[in-house]
Every structure is written in structure tokens, then in C-alpha cells.
Amino acid sequence: KNEVDDKGEPLRGREPWRSSISLGSKLCSNEDIKRRCILAN
């Protein structure tokens, strides 16, 4: 909860793995839904 990134912003919920793609989908479902909406638009 107290872990921050290089900019000093909270890292919880924004871990780098959430943007990684496996079998065509991002590992984080929230990020994957956002990405799919952008592509569909």
C-alpha cells in the first residue's frame, strides 16, 4: 500500500504486469476492457 513508483505515485493497482498481454488479452481485466473499447472505437 505504501509502495510508490519513480514519480512518487502509489503503485498499488498500477503494477507493470497489468499492461502485459497474454493470449491476446491484458492480464488486468480492467486494463483489457479499456483497451478493447479503444480498439472498437
PDB file of all heavy atoms in Angstrom:
ATOM      1  N   LYS A   1       0.815  -1.216   0.000  1.00  0.00           N
ATOM      2  CA  LYS A   1       0.000   0.000   0.000  1.00  0.00           C
ATOM      3  C   LYS A   1       0.846   1.262   0.000  1.00  0.00           C
ATOM      4  O   LYS A   1       0.452   2.288  -0.558  1.00  0.00           O
ATOM      5  CB  LYS A   1      -0.938  -0.008   1.202  1.00  0.00           C
ATOM      6  CG  LYS A   1      -2.027  -1.078   1.134  1.00  0.00           C
ATOM      7  CD  LYS A   1      -2.966  -0.981   2.317  1.00  0.00           C
ATOM      8  CE  LYS A   1      -4.062  -2.038   2.204  1.00  0.00           C
ATOM      9  NZ  LYS A   1      -4.995  -1.973   3.371  1.00  0.00           N
ATOM     10  N   ASN A   2       2.004   1.218   0.652  1.00  0.00           N
ATOM     11  CA  ASN A   2       2.864   2.397   0.722  1.00  0.00           C
ATOM     12  C   ASN A   2       3.947   2.409  -0.354  1.00  0.00           C
ATOM     13  O   ASN A   2       4.815   3.281  -0.362  1.00  0.00           O
ATOM     14  CB  ASN A   2       3.507   2.487   2.101  1.00  0.00           C
ATOM     15  CG  ASN A   2       4.332   1.253   2.431  1.00  0.00           C
ATOM     16  OD1 ASN A   2       4.276   0.263   1.714  1.00  0.00           O
ATOM     17  ND2 ASN A   2       5.099   1.324   3.509  1.00  0.00           N
ATOM     18  N   GLU A   3       3.910   1.456  -1.279  1.00  0.00           N
ATOM     19  CA  GLU A   3       4.914   1.379  -2.339  1.00  0.00           C
ATOM     20  C   GLU A   3       4.605   2.397  -3.431  1.00  0.00           C
ATOM     21  O   GLU A   3       3.447   2.567  -3.833  1.00  0.00           O
ATOM     22  CB  GLU A   3       4.944  -0.026  -2.928  1.00  0.00           C
ATOM     23  CG  GLU A   3       6.128  -0.276  -3.852  1.00  0.00           C
ATOM     24  CD  GLU A   3       6.211  -1.725  -4.287  1.00  0.00           C
ATOM     25  OE1 GLU A   3       5.490  -2.568  -3.703  1.00  0.00           O
ATOM     26  OE2 GLU A   3       6.990  -2.028  -5.217  1.00  0.00           O
ATOM     27  N   VAL A   4       5.646   3.109  -3.912  1.00  0.00           N
ATOM     28  CA  VAL A   4       5.461   4.149  -4.927  1.00  0.00           C
ATOM     29  C   VAL A   4       6.376   3.870  -6.107  1.00  0.00           C
ATOM     30  O   VAL A   4       7.354   3.113  -6.001  1.00  0.00           O
ATOM     31  CB  VAL A   4       5.759   5.554  -4.343  1.00  0.00           C
ATOM     32  CG1 VAL A   4       4.773   5.902  -3.241  1.00  0.00           C
ATOM     33  CG2 VAL A   4       7.194   5.627  -3.814  1.00  0.00           C
ATOM     34  N   ASP A   5       6.067   4.504  -7.248  1.00  0.00           N
ATOM     35  CA  ASP A   5       6.907   4.359  -8.438  1.00  0.00           C
ATOM     36  C   ASP A   5       7.980   5.425  -8.457  1.00  0.00           C
ATOM     37  O   ASP A   5       8.191   6.131  -7.469  1.00  0.00           O
ATOM     38  CB  ASP A   5       6.041   4.420  -9.700  1.00  0.00           C
ATOM     39  CG  ASP A   5       5.259   5.719  -9.812  1.00  0.00           C
ATOM     40  OD1 ASP A   5       5.597   6.686  -9.077  1.00  0.00           O
ATOM     41  OD2 ASP A   5       4.316   5.782 -10.621  1.00  0.00           O
ATOM     42  N   ASP A   6       8.670   5.566  -9.611  1.00  0.00           N
ATOM     43  CA  ASP A   6       9.767   6.528  -9.725  1.00  0.00           C
ATOM     44  C   ASP A   6       9.299   7.966  -9.553  1.00  0.00           C
ATOM     45  O   ASP A   6      10.085   8.849  -9.169  1.00  0.00           O
ATOM     46  CB  ASP A   6      10.458   6.371 -11.085  1.00  0.00           C
ATOM     47  CG  ASP A   6      11.113   5.002 -11.243  1.00  0.00           C
ATOM     48  OD1 ASP A   6      11.401   4.386 -10.201  1.00  0.00           O
ATOM     49  OD2 ASP A   6      11.303   4.564 -12.394  1.00  0.00           O
ATOM     50  N   LYS A   7       8.019   8.221  -9.843  1.00  0.00           N
ATOM     51  CA  LYS A   7       7.482   9.575  -9.715  1.00  0.00           C
ATOM     52  C   LYS A   7       6.878   9.842  -8.342  1.00  0.00           C
ATOM     53  O   LYS A   7       6.330  10.922  -8.105  1.00  0.00           O
ATOM     54  CB  LYS A   7       6.432   9.821 -10.794  1.00  0.00           C
ATOM     55  CG  LYS A   7       6.971   9.729 -12.214  1.00  0.00           C
ATOM     56  CD  LYS A   7       5.876  10.002 -13.230  1.00  0.00           C
ATOM     57  CE  LYS A   7       6.417   9.923 -14.654  1.00  0.00           C
ATOM     58  NZ  LYS A   7       5.347  10.168 -15.667  1.00  0.00           N
ATOM     59  N   GLY A   8       6.971   8.855  -7.460  1.00  0.00           N
ATOM     60  CA  GLY A   8       6.434   9.027  -6.127  1.00  0.00           C
ATOM     61  C   GLY A   8       4.943   8.780  -6.017  1.00  0.00           C
ATOM     62  O   GLY A   8       4.341   9.047  -4.981  1.00  0.00           O
ATOM     63  N   GLU A   9       4.329   8.256  -7.071  1.00  0.00           N
ATOM     64  CA  GLU A   9       2.895   7.990  -7.049  1.00  0.00           C
ATOM     65  C   GLU A   9       2.642   6.565  -6.574  1.00  0.00           C
ATOM     66  O   GLU A   9       3.454   5.666  -6.802  1.00  0.00           O
ATOM     67  CB  GLU A   9       2.303   8.188  -8.447  1.00  0.00           C
ATOM     68  CG  GLU A   9       2.467   9.604  -8.978  1.00  0.00           C
ATOM     69  CD  GLU A   9       1.920   9.763 -10.383  1.00  0.00           C
ATOM     70  OE1 GLU A   9       1.500   8.731 -10.958  1.00  0.00           O
ATOM     71  OE2 GLU A   9       1.914  10.884 -10.910  1.00  0.00           O
ATOM     72  N   PRO A  10       1.514   6.328  -5.897  1.00  0.00           N
ATOM     73  CA  PRO A  10       1.205   4.985  -5.394  1.00  0.00           C
ATOM     74  C   PRO A  10       1.211   3.957  -6.522  1.00  0.00           C
ATOM     75  O   PRO A  10       0.656   4.190  -7.598  1.00  0.00           O
ATOM     76  CB  PRO A  10      -0.196   5.149  -4.782  1.00  0.00           C
ATOM     77  CG  PRO A  10      -0.285   6.603  -4.458  1.00  0.00           C
ATOM     78  CD  PRO A  10       0.488   7.316  -5.527  1.00  0.00           C
ATOM     79  N   LEU A  11       1.832   2.810  -6.271  1.00  0.00           N
ATOM     80  CA  LEU A  11       1.968   1.783  -7.299  1.00  0.00           C
ATOM     81  C   LEU A  11       0.867   0.732  -7.208  1.00  0.00           C
ATOM     82  O   LEU A  11       0.597   0.042  -8.183  1.00  0.00           O
ATOM     83  CB  LEU A  11       3.336   1.108  -7.165  1.00  0.00           C
ATOM     84  CG  LEU A  11       3.766   0.150  -8.267  1.00  0.00           C
ATOM     85  CD1 LEU A  11       3.820   0.861  -9.617  1.00  0.00           C
ATOM     86  CD2 LEU A  11       5.128  -0.464  -7.943  1.00  0.00           C
ATOM     87  N   ARG A  12       0.209   0.646  -6.075  1.00  0.00           N
ATOM     88  CA  ARG A  12      -0.830  -0.373  -5.881  1.00  0.00           C
ATOM     89  C   ARG A  12      -1.951  -0.176  -6.902  1.00  0.00           C
ATOM     90  O   ARG A  12      -2.515   0.905  -7.047  1.00  0.00           O
ATOM     91  CB  ARG A  12      -1.412  -0.265  -4.461  1.00  0.00           C
ATOM     92  CG  ARG A  12      -2.386  -1.381  -4.075  1.00  0.00           C
ATOM     93  CD  ARG A  12      -1.641  -2.703  -3.955  1.00  0.00           C
ATOM     94  NE  ARG A  12      -2.511  -3.769  -3.483  1.00  0.00           N
ATOM     95  CZ  ARG A  12      -2.645  -4.138  -2.214  1.00  0.00           C
ATOM     96  NH1 ARG A  12      -1.954  -3.488  -1.272  1.00  0.00           N
ATOM     97  NH2 ARG A  12      -3.429  -5.122  -1.866  1.00  0.00           N
ATOM     98  N   GLY A  13      -2.264  -1.202  -7.649  1.00  0.00           N
ATOM     99  CA  GLY A  13      -3.282  -1.133  -8.688  1.00  0.00           C
ATOM    100  C   GLY A  13      -2.749  -0.681 -10.033  1.00  0.00           C
ATOM    101  O   GLY A  13      -3.493  -0.684 -11.025  1.00  0.00           O
ATOM    102  N   ARG A  14      -1.457  -0.293 -10.109  1.00  0.00           N
ATOM    103  CA  ARG A  14      -0.844   0.140 -11.375  1.00  0.00           C
ATOM    104  C   ARG A  14       0.455  -0.613 -11.634  1.00  0.00           C
ATOM    105  O   ARG A  14       1.355  -0.101 -12.285  1.00  0.00           O
ATOM    106  CB  ARG A  14      -0.582   1.643 -11.352  1.00  0.00           C
ATOM    107  CG  ARG A  14      -1.823   2.506 -11.163  1.00  0.00           C
ATOM    108  CD  ARG A  14      -1.541   3.997 -11.338  1.00  0.00           C
ATOM    109  NE  ARG A  14      -0.500   4.462 -10.429  1.00  0.00           N
ATOM    110  CZ  ARG A  14       0.731   4.759 -10.795  1.00  0.00           C
ATOM    111  NH1 ARG A  14       1.087   4.639 -12.059  1.00  0.00           N
ATOM    112  NH2 ARG A  14       1.621   5.173  -9.908  1.00  0.00           N
ATOM    113  N   GLU A  15       0.548  -1.823 -11.117  1.00  0.00           N
ATOM    114  CA  GLU A  15       1.750  -2.622 -11.304  1.00  0.00           C
ATOM    115  C   GLU A  15       2.005  -2.854 -12.800  1.00  0.00           C
ATOM    116  O   GLU A  15       1.053  -2.979 -13.579  1.00  0.00           O
ATOM    117  CB  GLU A  15       1.607  -3.972 -10.593  1.00  0.00           C
ATOM    118  CG  GLU A  15       1.504  -3.879  -9.070  1.00  0.00           C
ATOM    119  CD  GLU A  15       0.085  -3.683  -8.597  1.00  0.00           C
ATOM    120  OE1 GLU A  15      -0.795  -3.446  -9.455  1.00  0.00           O
ATOM    121  OE2 GLU A  15      -0.159  -3.762  -7.387  1.00  0.00           O
ATOM    122  N   PRO A  16       3.281  -2.904 -13.208  1.00  0.00           N
ATOM    123  CA  PRO A  16       3.607  -3.046 -14.640  1.00  0.00           C
ATOM    124  C   PRO A  16       2.972  -4.264 -15.309  1.00  0.00           C
ATOM    125  O   PRO A  16       2.652  -4.218 -16.502  1.00  0.00           O
ATOM    126  CB  PRO A  16       5.139  -3.155 -14.630  1.00  0.00           C
ATOM    127  CG  PRO A  16       5.563  -2.435 -13.385  1.00  0.00           C
ATOM    128  CD  PRO A  16       4.496  -2.722 -12.386  1.00  0.00           C
ATOM    129  N   TRP A  17       2.777  -5.362 -14.568  1.00  0.00           N
ATOM    130  CA  TRP A  17       2.245  -6.578 -15.179  1.00  0.00           C
ATOM    131  C   TRP A  17       0.840  -6.398 -15.724  1.00  0.00           C
ATOM    132  O   TRP A  17       0.403  -7.152 -16.595  1.00  0.00           O
ATOM    133  CB  TRP A  17       2.264  -7.743 -14.179  1.00  0.00           C
ATOM    134  CG  TRP A  17       1.396  -7.560 -12.959  1.00  0.00           C
ATOM    135  CD1 TRP A  17       1.791  -7.081 -11.751  1.00  0.00           C
ATOM    136  CD2 TRP A  17      -0.003  -7.858 -12.832  1.00  0.00           C
ATOM    137  NE1 TRP A  17       0.736  -7.064 -10.868  1.00  0.00           N
ATOM    138  CE2 TRP A  17      -0.381  -7.531 -11.501  1.00  0.00           C
ATOM    139  CE3 TRP A  17      -0.966  -8.357 -13.697  1.00  0.00           C
ATOM    140  CZ2 TRP A  17      -1.676  -7.692 -11.030  1.00  0.00           C
ATOM    141  CZ3 TRP A  17      -2.269  -8.522 -13.232  1.00  0.00           C
ATOM    142  CH2 TRP A  17      -2.604  -8.192 -11.909  1.00  0.00           C
ATOM    143  N   ARG A  18       0.115  -5.405 -15.224  1.00  0.00           N
ATOM    144  CA  ARG A  18      -1.268  -5.217 -15.647  1.00  0.00           C
ATOM    145  C   ARG A  18      -1.371  -4.841 -17.128  1.00  0.00           C
ATOM    146  O   ARG A  18      -2.424  -5.010 -17.744  1.00  0.00           O
ATOM    147  CB  ARG A  18      -1.951  -4.151 -14.783  1.00  0.00           C
ATOM    148  CG  ARG A  18      -2.060  -4.548 -13.313  1.00  0.00           C
ATOM    149  CD  ARG A  18      -2.729  -3.467 -12.478  1.00  0.00           C
ATOM    150  NE  ARG A  18      -2.784  -3.852 -11.072  1.00  0.00           N
ATOM    151  CZ  ARG A  18      -3.764  -4.583 -10.535  1.00  0.00           C
ATOM    152  NH1 ARG A  18      -4.768  -4.980 -11.283  1.00  0.00           N
ATOM    153  NH2 ARG A  18      -3.739  -4.892  -9.253  1.00  0.00           N
ATOM    154  N   SER A  19      -0.292  -4.344 -17.720  1.00  0.00           N
ATOM    155  CA  SER A  19      -0.304  -3.972 -19.139  1.00  0.00           C
ATOM    156  C   SER A  19       0.268  -5.069 -20.031  1.00  0.00           C
ATOM    157  O   SER A  19       0.276  -4.917 -21.249  1.00  0.00           O
ATOM    158  CB  SER A  19       0.498  -2.678 -19.342  1.00  0.00           C
ATOM    159  OG  SER A  19      -0.092  -1.595 -18.649  1.00  0.00           O
ATOM    160  N   SER A  20       0.750  -6.160 -19.435  1.00  0.00           N
ATOM    161  CA  SER A  20       1.295  -7.260 -20.222  1.00  0.00           C
ATOM    162  C   SER A  20       0.161  -8.017 -20.905  1.00  0.00           C
ATOM    163  O   SER A  20      -0.943  -8.109 -20.377  1.00  0.00           O
ATOM    164  CB  SER A  20       2.091  -8.216 -19.325  1.00  0.00           C
ATOM    165  OG  SER A  20       3.215  -7.559 -18.782  1.00  0.00           O
ATOM    166  N   ILE A  21       0.446  -8.555 -22.078  1.00  0.00           N
ATOM    167  CA  ILE A  21      -0.559  -9.245 -22.883  1.00  0.00           C
ATOM    168  C   ILE A  21      -0.245 -10.733 -22.942  1.00  0.00           C
ATOM    169  O   ILE A  21       0.892 -11.128 -23.197  1.00  0.00           O
ATOM    170  CB  ILE A  21      -0.620  -8.661 -24.307  1.00  0.00           C
ATOM    171  CG1 ILE A  21      -1.071  -7.195 -24.256  1.00  0.00           C
ATOM    172  CG2 ILE A  21      -1.562  -9.465 -25.183  1.00  0.00           C
ATOM    173  CD1 ILE A  21      -1.099  -6.527 -25.607  1.00  0.00           C
ATOM    174  N   SER A  22      -1.249 -11.550 -22.707  1.00  0.00           N
ATOM    175  CA  SER A  22      -1.130 -12.993 -22.815  1.00  0.00           C
ATOM    176  C   SER A  22      -2.338 -13.527 -23.563  1.00  0.00           C
ATOM    177  O   SER A  22      -3.481 -13.200 -23.223  1.00  0.00           O
ATOM    178  CB  SER A  22      -1.039 -13.641 -21.429  1.00  0.00           C
ATOM    179  OG  SER A  22      -0.993 -15.040 -21.531  1.00  0.00           O
ATOM    180  N   LEU A  23      -2.100 -14.322 -24.600  1.00  0.00           N
ATOM    181  CA  LEU A  23      -3.174 -14.850 -25.441  1.00  0.00           C
ATOM    182  C   LEU A  23      -4.073 -13.742 -25.969  1.00  0.00           C
ATOM    183  O   LEU A  23      -5.286 -13.895 -26.085  1.00  0.00           O
ATOM    184  CB  LEU A  23      -4.013 -15.873 -24.661  1.00  0.00           C
ATOM    185  CG  LEU A  23      -3.253 -17.081 -24.098  1.00  0.00           C
ATOM    186  CD1 LEU A  23      -4.220 -18.085 -23.512  1.00  0.00           C
ATOM    187  CD2 LEU A  23      -2.385 -17.731 -25.149  1.00  0.00           C
ATOM    188  N   GLY A  24      -3.476 -12.612 -26.274  1.00  0.00           N
ATOM    189  CA  GLY A  24      -4.228 -11.526 -26.892  1.00  0.00           C
ATOM    190  C   GLY A  24      -4.957 -10.615 -25.936  1.00  0.00           C
ATOM    191  O   GLY A  24      -5.614  -9.669 -26.368  1.00  0.00           O
ATOM    192  N   SER A  25      -4.881 -10.870 -24.625  1.00  0.00           N
ATOM    193  CA  SER A  25      -5.589 -10.045 -23.653  1.00  0.00           C
ATOM    194  C   SER A  25      -4.618  -9.551 -22.593  1.00  0.00           C
ATOM    195  O   SER A  25      -3.672 -10.248 -22.227  1.00  0.00           O
ATOM    196  CB  SER A  25      -6.713 -10.841 -22.970  1.00  0.00           C
ATOM    197  OG  SER A  25      -7.657 -11.295 -23.917  1.00  0.00           O
ATOM    198  N   LYS A  26      -4.867  -8.346 -22.088  1.00  0.00           N
ATOM    199  CA  LYS A  26      -4.058  -7.845 -20.985  1.00  0.00           C
ATOM    200  C   LYS A  26      -4.370  -8.643 -19.729  1.00  0.00           C
ATOM    201  O   LYS A  26      -5.499  -9.065 -19.507  1.00  0.00           O
ATOM    202  CB  LYS A  26      -4.323  -6.355 -20.758  1.00  0.00           C
ATOM    203  CG  LYS A  26      -3.707  -5.457 -21.820  1.00  0.00           C
ATOM    204  CD  LYS A  26      -3.722  -3.997 -21.400  1.00  0.00           C
ATOM    205  CE  LYS A  26      -2.985  -3.123 -22.415  1.00  0.00           C
ATOM    206  NZ  LYS A  26      -2.933  -1.710 -21.990  1.00  0.00           N
ATOM    207  N   LEU A  27      -3.359  -8.832 -18.890  1.00  0.00           N
ATOM    208  CA  LEU A  27      -3.528  -9.636 -17.695  1.00  0.00           C
ATOM    209  C   LEU A  27      -4.496  -8.998 -16.703  1.00  0.00           C
ATOM    210  O   LEU A  27      -5.153  -9.703 -15.946  1.00  0.00           O
ATOM    211  CB  LEU A  27      -2.169  -9.865 -17.025  1.00  0.00           C
ATOM    212  CG  LEU A  27      -1.173 -10.704 -17.830  1.00  0.00           C
ATOM    213  CD1 LEU A  27       0.130 -10.853 -17.067  1.00  0.00           C
ATOM    214  CD2 LEU A  27      -1.748 -12.069 -18.144  1.00  0.00           C
ATOM    215  N   CYS A  28      -4.592  -7.691 -16.716  1.00  0.00           N
ATOM    216  CA  CYS A  28      -5.547  -6.986 -15.866  1.00  0.00           C
ATOM    217  C   CYS A  28      -6.840  -6.801 -16.655  1.00  0.00           C
ATOM    218  O   CYS A  28      -6.842  -6.179 -17.715  1.00  0.00           O
ATOM    219  CB  CYS A  28      -4.997  -5.635 -15.425  1.00  0.00           C
ATOM    220  SG  CYS A  28      -6.160  -4.641 -14.462  1.00  0.00           S
ATOM    221  N   SER A  29      -7.939  -7.337 -16.141  1.00  0.00           N
ATOM    222  CA  SER A  29      -9.196  -7.284 -16.886  1.00  0.00           C
ATOM    223  C   SER A  29      -9.669  -5.844 -17.087  1.00  0.00           C
ATOM    224  O   SER A  29     -10.220  -5.516 -18.138  1.00  0.00           O
ATOM    225  CB  SER A  29     -10.271  -8.104 -16.164  1.00  0.00           C
ATOM    226  OG  SER A  29     -10.445  -7.652 -14.838  1.00  0.00           O
ATOM    227  N   ASN A  30      -9.466  -4.970 -16.094  1.00  0.00           N
ATOM    228  CA  ASN A  30      -9.878  -3.575 -16.247  1.00  0.00           C
ATOM    229  C   ASN A  30      -9.123  -2.894 -17.383  1.00  0.00           C
ATOM    230  O   ASN A  30      -9.707  -2.186 -18.219  1.00  0.00           O
ATOM    231  CB  ASN A  30      -9.657  -2.804 -14.938  1.00  0.00           C
ATOM    232  CG  ASN A  30     -10.598  -3.234 -13.840  1.00  0.00           C
ATOM    233  OD1 ASN A  30     -11.677  -3.758 -14.104  1.00  0.00           O
ATOM    234  ND2 ASN A  30     -10.204  -3.030 -12.601  1.00  0.00           N
ATOM    235  N   GLU A  31      -7.803  -3.116 -17.431  1.00  0.00           N
ATOM    236  CA  GLU A  31      -6.995  -2.529 -18.494  1.00  0.00           C
ATOM    237  C   GLU A  31      -7.359  -3.136 -19.848  1.00  0.00           C
ATOM    238  O   GLU A  31      -7.366  -2.441 -20.870  1.00  0.00           O
ATOM    239  CB  GLU A  31      -5.504  -2.754 -18.202  1.00  0.00           C
ATOM    240  CG  GLU A  31      -4.973  -2.012 -16.991  1.00  0.00           C
ATOM    241  CD  GLU A  31      -5.068  -0.505 -17.157  1.00  0.00           C
ATOM    242  OE1 GLU A  31      -4.848  -0.034 -18.292  1.00  0.00           O
ATOM    243  OE2 GLU A  31      -5.339   0.191 -16.172  1.00  0.00           O
ATOM    244  N   ASP A  32      -7.680  -4.408 -19.852  1.00  0.00           N
ATOM    245  CA  ASP A  32      -8.024  -5.069 -21.105  1.00  0.00           C
ATOM    246  C   ASP A  32      -9.339  -4.535 -21.662  1.00  0.00           C
ATOM    247  O   ASP A  32      -9.472  -4.331 -22.873  1.00  0.00           O
ATOM    248  CB  ASP A  32      -8.134  -6.574 -20.878  1.00  0.00           C
ATOM    249  CG  ASP A  32      -8.280  -7.345 -22.184  1.00  0.00           C
ATOM    250  OD1 ASP A  32      -7.395  -7.199 -23.056  1.00  0.00           O
ATOM    251  OD2 ASP A  32      -9.278  -8.060 -22.351  1.00  0.00           O
ATOM    252  N   ILE A  33     -10.313  -4.288 -20.794  1.00  0.00           N
ATOM    253  CA  ILE A  33     -11.594  -3.739 -21.240  1.00  0.00           C
ATOM    254  C   ILE A  33     -11.397  -2.346 -21.835  1.00  0.00           C
ATOM    255  O   ILE A  33     -11.969  -2.013 -22.889  1.00  0.00           O
ATOM    256  CB  ILE A  33     -12.599  -3.705 -20.077  1.00  0.00           C
ATOM    257  CG1 ILE A  33     -13.002  -5.131 -19.690  1.00  0.00           C
ATOM    258  CG2 ILE A  33     -13.835  -2.898 -20.446  1.00  0.00           C
ATOM    259  CD1 ILE A  33     -13.850  -5.217 -18.448  1.00  0.00           C
ATOM    260  N   LYS A  34     -10.581  -1.512 -21.188  1.00  0.00           N
ATOM    261  CA  LYS A  34     -10.311  -0.166 -21.705  1.00  0.00           C
ATOM    262  C   LYS A  34      -9.673  -0.250 -23.090  1.00  0.00           C
ATOM    263  O   LYS A  34     -10.047   0.480 -24.010  1.00  0.00           O
ATOM    264  CB  LYS A  34      -9.383   0.587 -20.750  1.00  0.00           C
ATOM    265  CG  LYS A  34     -10.002   0.915 -19.398  1.00  0.00           C
ATOM    266  CD  LYS A  34      -8.988   1.616 -18.511  1.00  0.00           C
ATOM    267  CE  LYS A  34      -9.560   1.894 -17.133  1.00  0.00           C
ATOM    268  NZ  LYS A  34      -8.546   2.524 -16.234  1.00  0.00           N
ATOM    269  N   ARG A  35      -8.709  -1.145 -23.222  1.00  0.00           N
ATOM    270  CA  ARG A  35      -8.005  -1.286 -24.498  1.00  0.00           C
ATOM    271  C   ARG A  35      -8.943  -1.758 -25.599  1.00  0.00           C
ATOM    272  O   ARG A  35      -8.909  -1.252 -26.725  1.00  0.00           O
ATOM    273  CB  ARG A  35      -6.860  -2.276 -24.316  1.00  0.00           C
ATOM    274  CG  ARG A  35      -6.185  -2.734 -25.579  1.00  0.00           C
ATOM    275  CD  ARG A  35      -4.979  -3.585 -25.242  1.00  0.00           C
ATOM    276  NE  ARG A  35      -4.608  -4.407 -26.383  1.00  0.00           N
ATOM    277  CZ  ARG A  35      -5.092  -5.605 -26.625  1.00  0.00           C
ATOM    278  NH1 ARG A  35      -5.988  -6.126 -25.807  1.00  0.00           N
ATOM    279  NH2 ARG A  35      -4.711  -6.302 -27.673  1.00  0.00           N
ATOM    280  N   ARG A  36      -9.798  -2.718 -25.285  1.00  0.00           N
ATOM    281  CA  ARG A  36     -10.731  -3.233 -26.283  1.00  0.00           C
ATOM    282  C   ARG A  36     -11.724  -2.152 -26.713  1.00  0.00           C
ATOM    283  O   ARG A  36     -12.101  -2.067 -27.880  1.00  0.00           O
ATOM    284  CB  ARG A  36     -11.482  -4.447 -25.725  1.00  0.00           C
ATOM    285  CG  ARG A  36     -10.607  -5.674 -25.562  1.00  0.00           C
ATOM    286  CD  ARG A  36     -11.361  -6.772 -24.821  1.00  0.00           C
ATOM    287  NE  ARG A  36     -10.494  -7.907 -24.534  1.00  0.00           N
ATOM    288  CZ  ARG A  36     -10.403  -8.983 -25.295  1.00  0.00           C
ATOM    289  NH1 ARG A  36     -11.120  -9.058 -26.406  1.00  0.00           N
ATOM    290  NH2 ARG A  36      -9.604  -9.976 -24.974  1.00  0.00           N
ATOM    291  N   CYS A  37     -12.157  -1.327 -25.758  1.00  0.00           N
ATOM    292  CA  CYS A  37     -13.085  -0.249 -26.103  1.00  0.00           C
ATOM    293  C   CYS A  37     -12.438   0.748 -27.052  1.00  0.00           C
ATOM    294  O   CYS A  37     -13.074   1.237 -27.997  1.00  0.00           O
ATOM    295  CB  CYS A  37     -13.560   0.458 -24.829  1.00  0.00           C
ATOM    296  SG  CYS A  37     -14.693  -0.516 -23.806  1.00  0.00           S
ATOM    297  N   ILE A  38     -11.157   1.057 -26.819  1.00  0.00           N
ATOM    298  CA  ILE A  38     -10.438   1.989 -27.688  1.00  0.00           C
ATOM    299  C   ILE A  38     -10.309   1.401 -29.089  1.00  0.00           C
ATOM    300  O   ILE A  38     -10.565   2.091 -30.094  1.00  0.00           O
ATOM    301  CB  ILE A  38      -9.048   2.299 -27.097  1.00  0.00           C
ATOM    302  CG1 ILE A  38      -9.197   3.097 -25.802  1.00  0.00           C
ATOM    303  CG2 ILE A  38      -8.199   3.075 -28.104  1.00  0.00           C
ATOM    304  CD1 ILE A  38      -7.877   3.327 -25.078  1.00  0.00           C
ATOM    305  N   LEU A  39      -9.933   0.111 -29.182  1.00  0.00           N
ATOM    306  CA  LEU A  39      -9.784  -0.528 -30.485  1.00  0.00           C
ATOM    307  C   LEU A  39     -11.117  -0.600 -31.225  1.00  0.00           C
ATOM    308  O   LEU A  39     -11.182  -0.381 -32.440  1.00  0.00           O
ATOM    309  CB  LEU A  39      -9.214  -1.941 -30.312  1.00  0.00           C
ATOM    310  CG  LEU A  39      -7.772  -2.039 -29.817  1.00  0.00           C
ATOM    311  CD1 LEU A  39      -7.383  -3.486 -29.586  1.00  0.00           C
ATOM    312  CD2 LEU A  39      -6.812  -1.378 -30.803  1.00  0.00           C
ATOM    313  N   ALA A  40     -12.183  -0.890 -30.488  1.00  0.00           N
ATOM    314  CA  ALA A  40     -13.508  -0.973 -31.118  1.00  0.00           C
ATOM    315  C   ALA A  40     -13.954   0.402 -31.609  1.00  0.00           C
ATOM    316  O   ALA A  40     -14.575   0.524 -32.671  1.00  0.00           O
ATOM    317  CB  ALA A  40     -14.524  -1.530 -30.127  1.00  0.00           C
ATOM    318  N   ASN A  41     -13.638   1.457 -30.850  1.00  0.00           N
ATOM    319  CA  ASN A  41     -14.000   2.808 -31.277  1.00  0.00           C
ATOM    320  C   ASN A  41     -13.248   3.203 -32.549  1.00  0.00           C
ATOM    321  O   ASN A  41     -13.817   3.832 -33.453  1.00  0.00           O
ATOM    322  CB  ASN A  41     -13.700   3.805 -30.157  1.00  0.00           C
ATOM    323  CG  ASN A  41     -14.117   5.221 -30.508  1.00  0.00           C
ATOM    324  OD1 ASN A  41     -15.276   5.496 -30.777  1.00  0.00           O
ATOM    325  ND2 ASN A  41     -13.153   6.126 -30.514  1.00  0.00           N
TER     326      ASN A  41
END
